Amino acid sequence: MSGTLNKVMLIGHLGDEVKMHYFEGGGCVGRFPLATNETYVSKQTNERVTNTDWHNIVVRNKAAEICEKYLTKGDKVYVEGRIKNRKWQDDSGNERYSTEIQVSDFTFLNTKRDPEAAPGAAPAKQQANPMVEKPAAPKPVSSDDDLPF
């Protein structure tokens, strides 16, 4: 294979509210932490062990505004995007690094209800690019893994 690929797919729970940053000219960025879990049974103790990984999620512009409006801490979401590593200097002059997931597409797996929606109405599902129509997502598989395929 001659090409390269930088693609990430995650299903997890928000660890905090979406934090928005607005720029001159109308652009914006939303950031939030996403927790994913790995669960297994320890062979030594025969106990169930859960490890949690935290991911720094970054969404931009209209997608960020949609996430801010509909997502809240604890909600489950599917995100798809690419890994981006950043390097900068802190106030002390030390080099710092961070790894982010730059989101290109997302699906809310549970959301808070739109206050204008009728009681009992199902919550809306959103896409990172609302201008692009996509086929309906496959029905969630009811297993411990919650994999989208």
C-alpha atoms as a PDB file:
ATOM      1  CA  MET A   1       0.000   0.000   0.000  1.00  0.00           C
ATOM      2  CA  SER A   2       1.535   3.315  -1.011  1.00  0.00           C
ATOM      3  CA  GLY A   3      -0.819   5.670   0.877  1.00  0.00           C
ATOM      4  CA  THR A   4      -1.264   6.428   4.534  1.00  0.00           C
ATOM      5  CA  LEU A   5      -4.316   6.587   6.759  1.00  0.00           C
ATOM      6  CA  ASN A   6      -5.079   8.618   9.874  1.00  0.00           C
ATOM      7  CA  LYS A   7      -8.569   7.610  11.023  1.00  0.00           C
ATOM      8  CA  VAL A   8     -10.074   7.206  14.479  1.00  0.00           C
ATOM      9  CA  MET A   9     -13.507   5.892  15.478  1.00  0.00           C
ATOM     10  CA  LEU A  10     -14.564   6.141  19.120  1.00  0.00           C
ATOM     11  CA  ILE A  11     -17.719   5.465  21.112  1.00  0.00           C
ATOM     12  CA  GLY A  12     -17.641   6.893  24.596  1.00  0.00           C
ATOM     13  CA  HIS A  13     -19.169   9.160  27.210  1.00  0.00           C
ATOM     14  CA  LEU A  14     -18.545  12.888  27.613  1.00  0.00           C
ATOM     15  CA  GLY A  15     -16.466  13.637  30.679  1.00  0.00           C
ATOM     16  CA  ASP A  16     -17.508  17.302  30.787  1.00  0.00           C
ATOM     17  CA  GLU A  17     -19.621  19.888  28.991  1.00  0.00           C
ATOM     18  CA  VAL A  18     -18.524  21.128  25.539  1.00  0.00           C
ATOM     19  CA  LYS A  19     -16.230  24.150  25.992  1.00  0.00           C
ATOM     20  CA  MET A  20     -16.596  26.671  23.165  1.00  0.00           C
ATOM     21  CA  HIS A  21     -14.009  29.152  21.857  1.00  0.00           C
ATOM     22  CA  TYR A  22     -15.140  31.810  19.369  1.00  0.00           C
ATOM     23  CA  PHE A  23     -12.871  33.630  16.924  1.00  0.00           C
ATOM     24  CA  GLU A  24     -13.083  36.877  14.985  1.00  0.00           C
ATOM     25  CA  GLY A  25     -14.768  36.237  11.663  1.00  0.00           C
ATOM     26  CA  GLY A  26     -17.365  33.866  13.100  1.00  0.00           C
ATOM     27  CA  GLY A  27     -15.429  30.603  13.436  1.00  0.00           C
ATOM     28  CA  CYS A  28     -15.532  28.530  16.596  1.00  0.00           C
ATOM     29  CA  VAL A  29     -14.044  25.417  18.164  1.00  0.00           C
ATOM     30  CA  GLY A  30     -15.637  23.101  20.709  1.00  0.00           C
ATOM     31  CA  ARG A  31     -13.596  20.840  22.963  1.00  0.00           C
ATOM     32  CA  PHE A  32     -14.601  18.071  25.336  1.00  0.00           C
ATOM     33  CA  PRO A  33     -13.068  14.983  26.952  1.00  0.00           C
ATOM     34  CA  LEU A  34     -14.392  11.575  25.881  1.00  0.00           C
ATOM     35  CA  ALA A  35     -13.999   8.433  28.014  1.00  0.00           C
ATOM     36  CA  THR A  36     -13.731   4.984  26.448  1.00  0.00           C
ATOM     37  CA  ASN A  37     -13.601   1.802  28.536  1.00  0.00           C
ATOM     38  CA  GLU A  38     -11.936  -1.575  28.156  1.00  0.00           C
ATOM     39  CA  THR A  39     -13.348  -4.351  30.326  1.00  0.00           C
ATOM     40  CA  TYR A  40     -11.906  -7.819  30.832  1.00  0.00           C
ATOM     41  CA  VAL A  41     -11.725 -10.587  33.441  1.00  0.00           C
ATOM     42  CA  SER A  42      -8.355 -10.888  35.196  1.00  0.00           C
ATOM     43  CA  LYS A  43      -6.922 -14.408  34.954  1.00  0.00           C
ATOM     44  CA  GLN A  44      -5.145 -14.057  38.315  1.00  0.00           C
ATOM     45  CA  THR A  45      -8.036 -12.755  40.432  1.00  0.00           C
ATOM     46  CA  ASN A  46     -10.978 -13.819  38.228  1.00  0.00           C
ATOM     47  CA  GLU A  47     -12.438 -10.340  38.763  1.00  0.00           C
ATOM     48  CA  ARG A  48     -13.816  -7.966  36.174  1.00  0.00           C
ATOM     49  CA  VAL A  49     -11.354  -5.102  35.457  1.00  0.00           C
ATOM     50  CA  THR A  50     -12.260  -1.860  33.691  1.00  0.00           C
ATOM     51  CA  ASN A  51      -9.648   0.532  32.272  1.00  0.00           C
ATOM     52  CA  THR A  52     -10.692   3.999  31.110  1.00  0.00           C
ATOM     53  CA  ASP A  53      -8.878   6.020  28.437  1.00  0.00           C
ATOM     54  CA  TRP A  54      -9.522   9.753  27.996  1.00  0.00           C
ATOM     55  CA  HIS A  55      -9.457  11.440  24.589  1.00  0.00           C
ATOM     56  CA  ASN A  56      -9.364  15.175  23.808  1.00  0.00           C
ATOM     57  CA  ILE A  57     -12.087  15.786  21.220  1.00  0.00           C
ATOM     58  CA  VAL A  58     -12.112  18.866  18.954  1.00  0.00           C
ATOM     59  CA  VAL A  59     -15.069  19.880  16.751  1.00  0.00           C
ATOM     60  CA  ARG A  60     -15.233  23.000  14.591  1.00  0.00           C
ATOM     61  CA  ASN A  61     -17.748  25.608  13.494  1.00  0.00           C
ATOM     62  CA  LYS A  62     -21.353  24.417  12.958  1.00  0.00           C
ATOM     63  CA  ALA A  63     -20.566  20.942  14.291  1.00  0.00           C
ATOM     64  CA  ALA A  64     -19.226  22.509  17.502  1.00  0.00           C
ATOM     65  CA  GLU A  65     -22.396  24.572  17.917  1.00  0.00           C
ATOM     66  CA  ILE A  66     -24.552  21.460  17.430  1.00  0.00           C
ATOM     67  CA  CYS A  67     -22.511  19.540  20.024  1.00  0.00           C
ATOM     68  CA  GLU A  68     -22.779  22.407  22.500  1.00  0.00           C
ATOM     69  CA  LYS A  69     -26.548  22.566  22.051  1.00  0.00           C
ATOM     70  CA  TYR A  70     -27.339  18.845  22.315  1.00  0.00           C
ATOM     71  CA  LEU A  71     -24.547  17.163  24.300  1.00  0.00           C
ATOM     72  CA  THR A  72     -24.085  17.195  28.041  1.00  0.00           C
ATOM     73  CA  LYS A  73     -21.731  15.482  30.481  1.00  0.00           C
ATOM     74  CA  GLY A  74     -22.310  11.709  30.516  1.00  0.00           C
ATOM     75  CA  ASP A  75     -23.942  11.491  27.073  1.00  0.00           C
ATOM     76  CA  LYS A  76     -22.838   8.679  24.772  1.00  0.00           C
ATOM     77  CA  VAL A  77     -21.517   9.694  21.351  1.00  0.00           C
ATOM     78  CA  TYR A  78     -19.810   8.147  18.324  1.00  0.00           C
ATOM     79  CA  VAL A  79     -17.037  10.318  16.852  1.00  0.00           C
ATOM     80  CA  GLU A  80     -14.948   9.797  13.753  1.00  0.00           C
ATOM     81  CA  GLY A  81     -11.920  11.819  12.762  1.00  0.00           C
ATOM     82  CA  ARG A  82      -8.145  11.962  12.755  1.00  0.00           C
ATOM     83  CA  ILE A  83      -5.369  12.129  15.341  1.00  0.00           C
ATOM     84  CA  LYS A  84      -3.570  15.457  15.618  1.00  0.00           C
ATOM     85  CA  ASN A  85      -0.501  15.982  17.815  1.00  0.00           C
ATOM     86  CA  ARG A  86       0.264  19.511  18.989  1.00  0.00           C
ATOM     87  CA  LYS A  87       3.395  21.007  20.575  1.00  0.00           C
ATOM     88  CA  TRP A  88       3.662  24.348  22.379  1.00  0.00           C
ATOM     89  CA  GLN A  89       5.559  26.151  25.120  1.00  0.00           C
ATOM     90  CA  ASP A  90       3.910  26.759  28.486  1.00  0.00           C
ATOM     91  CA  ASP A  91       4.365  29.904  30.608  1.00  0.00           C
ATOM     92  CA  SER A  92       7.552  28.437  32.131  1.00  0.00           C
ATOM     93  CA  GLY A  93       9.113  27.854  28.696  1.00  0.00           C
ATOM     94  CA  ASN A  94       8.709  24.066  28.851  1.00  0.00           C
ATOM     95  CA  GLU A  95       7.687  22.217  25.697  1.00  0.00           C
ATOM     96  CA  ARG A  96       4.260  20.622  26.112  1.00  0.00           C
ATOM     97  CA  TYR A  97       2.498  18.058  23.927  1.00  0.00           C
ATOM     98  CA  SER A  98      -1.113  17.011  23.471  1.00  0.00           C
ATOM     99  CA  THR A  99      -2.944  14.543  21.277  1.00  0.00           C
ATOM    100  CA  GLU A 100      -6.395  15.469  19.985  1.00  0.00           C
ATOM    101  CA  ILE A 101      -9.067  13.835  17.881  1.00  0.00           C
ATOM    102  CA  GLN A 102     -10.119  16.274  15.119  1.00  0.00           C
ATOM    103  CA  VAL A 103     -13.732  15.243  14.457  1.00  0.00           C
ATOM    104  CA  SER A 104     -15.036  14.925  10.900  1.00  0.00           C
ATOM    105  CA  ASP A 105     -18.300  13.083  11.688  1.00  0.00           C
ATOM    106  CA  PHE A 106     -20.325  12.203  14.764  1.00  0.00           C
ATOM    107  CA  THR A 107     -23.588  10.613  15.861  1.00  0.00           C
ATOM    108  CA  PHE A 108     -25.327  11.208  19.157  1.00  0.00           C
ATOM    109  CA  LEU A 109     -26.209   7.885  20.742  1.00  0.00           C
ATOM    110  CA  ASN A 110     -28.287   9.581  23.428  1.00  0.00           C
ATOM    111  CA  THR A 111     -29.027  13.291  23.851  1.00  0.00           C
ATOM    112  CA  LYS A 112     -31.043  15.646  25.943  1.00  0.00           C
ATOM    113  CA  ARG A 113     -34.386  16.524  24.402  1.00  0.00           C
ATOM    114  CA  ASP A 114     -34.917  19.735  22.440  1.00  0.00           C
ATOM    115  CA  PRO A 115     -37.016  21.979  24.704  1.00  0.00           C
ATOM    116  CA  GLU A 116     -39.185  22.965  21.710  1.00  0.00           C
ATOM    117  CA  ALA A 117     -39.968  19.335  20.835  1.00  0.00           C
ATOM    118  CA  ALA A 118     -43.272  17.797  21.815  1.00  0.00           C
ATOM    119  CA  PRO A 119     -43.276  15.647  24.966  1.00  0.00           C
ATOM    120  CA  GLY A 120     -42.397  12.048  24.153  1.00  0.00           C
ATOM    121  CA  ALA A 121     -40.638  13.003  20.929  1.00  0.00           C
ATOM    122  CA  ALA A 122     -37.384  11.211  20.166  1.00  0.00           C
ATOM    123  CA  PRO A 123     -34.181  13.270  20.410  1.00  0.00           C
ATOM    124  CA  ALA A 124     -32.611  14.476  17.168  1.00  0.00           C
ATOM    125  CA  LYS A 125     -29.534  12.818  15.669  1.00  0.00           C
ATOM    126  CA  GLN A 126     -26.895  15.133  14.239  1.00  0.00           C
ATOM    127  CA  GLN A 127     -23.999  14.884  11.815  1.00  0.00           C
ATOM    128  CA  ALA A 128     -20.752  16.865  11.746  1.00  0.00           C
ATOM    129  CA  ASN A 129     -21.669  18.281   8.344  1.00  0.00           C
ATOM    130  CA  PRO A 130     -25.432  18.902   8.374  1.00  0.00           C
ATOM    131  CA  MET A 131     -25.383  19.789   4.652  1.00  0.00           C
ATOM    132  CA  VAL A 132     -24.403  16.225   3.670  1.00  0.00           C
ATOM    133  CA  GLU A 133     -27.138  13.588   3.737  1.00  0.00           C
ATOM    134  CA  LYS A 134     -25.964  10.172   4.933  1.00  0.00           C
ATOM    135  CA  PRO A 135     -27.823   6.888   5.125  1.00  0.00           C
ATOM    136  CA  ALA A 136     -29.210   5.963   8.517  1.00  0.00           C
ATOM    137  CA  ALA A 137     -26.670   4.517  10.954  1.00  0.00           C
ATOM    138  CA  PRO A 138     -26.896   0.793  11.638  1.00  0.00           C
ATOM    139  CA  LYS A 139     -28.938  -0.217  14.669  1.00  0.00           C
ATOM    140  CA  PRO A 140     -26.785  -0.470  17.797  1.00  0.00           C
ATOM    141  CA  VAL A 141     -25.636  -3.952  18.686  1.00  0.00           C
ATOM    142  CA  SER A 142     -26.582  -4.853  22.250  1.00  0.00           C
ATOM    143  CA  SER A 143     -23.357  -6.339  23.537  1.00  0.00           C
ATOM    144  CA  ASP A 144     -20.692  -5.350  26.046  1.00  0.00           C
ATOM    145  CA  ASP A 145     -18.537  -3.898  23.256  1.00  0.00           C
ATOM    146  CA  ASP A 146     -21.150  -1.568  21.676  1.00  0.00           C
ATOM    147  CA  LEU A 147     -19.228  -1.660  18.400  1.00  0.00           C
ATOM    148  CA  PRO A 148     -20.867   0.139  15.465  1.00  0.00           C
ATOM    149  CA  PHE A 149     -20.187  -2.737  13.032  1.00  0.00           C
END
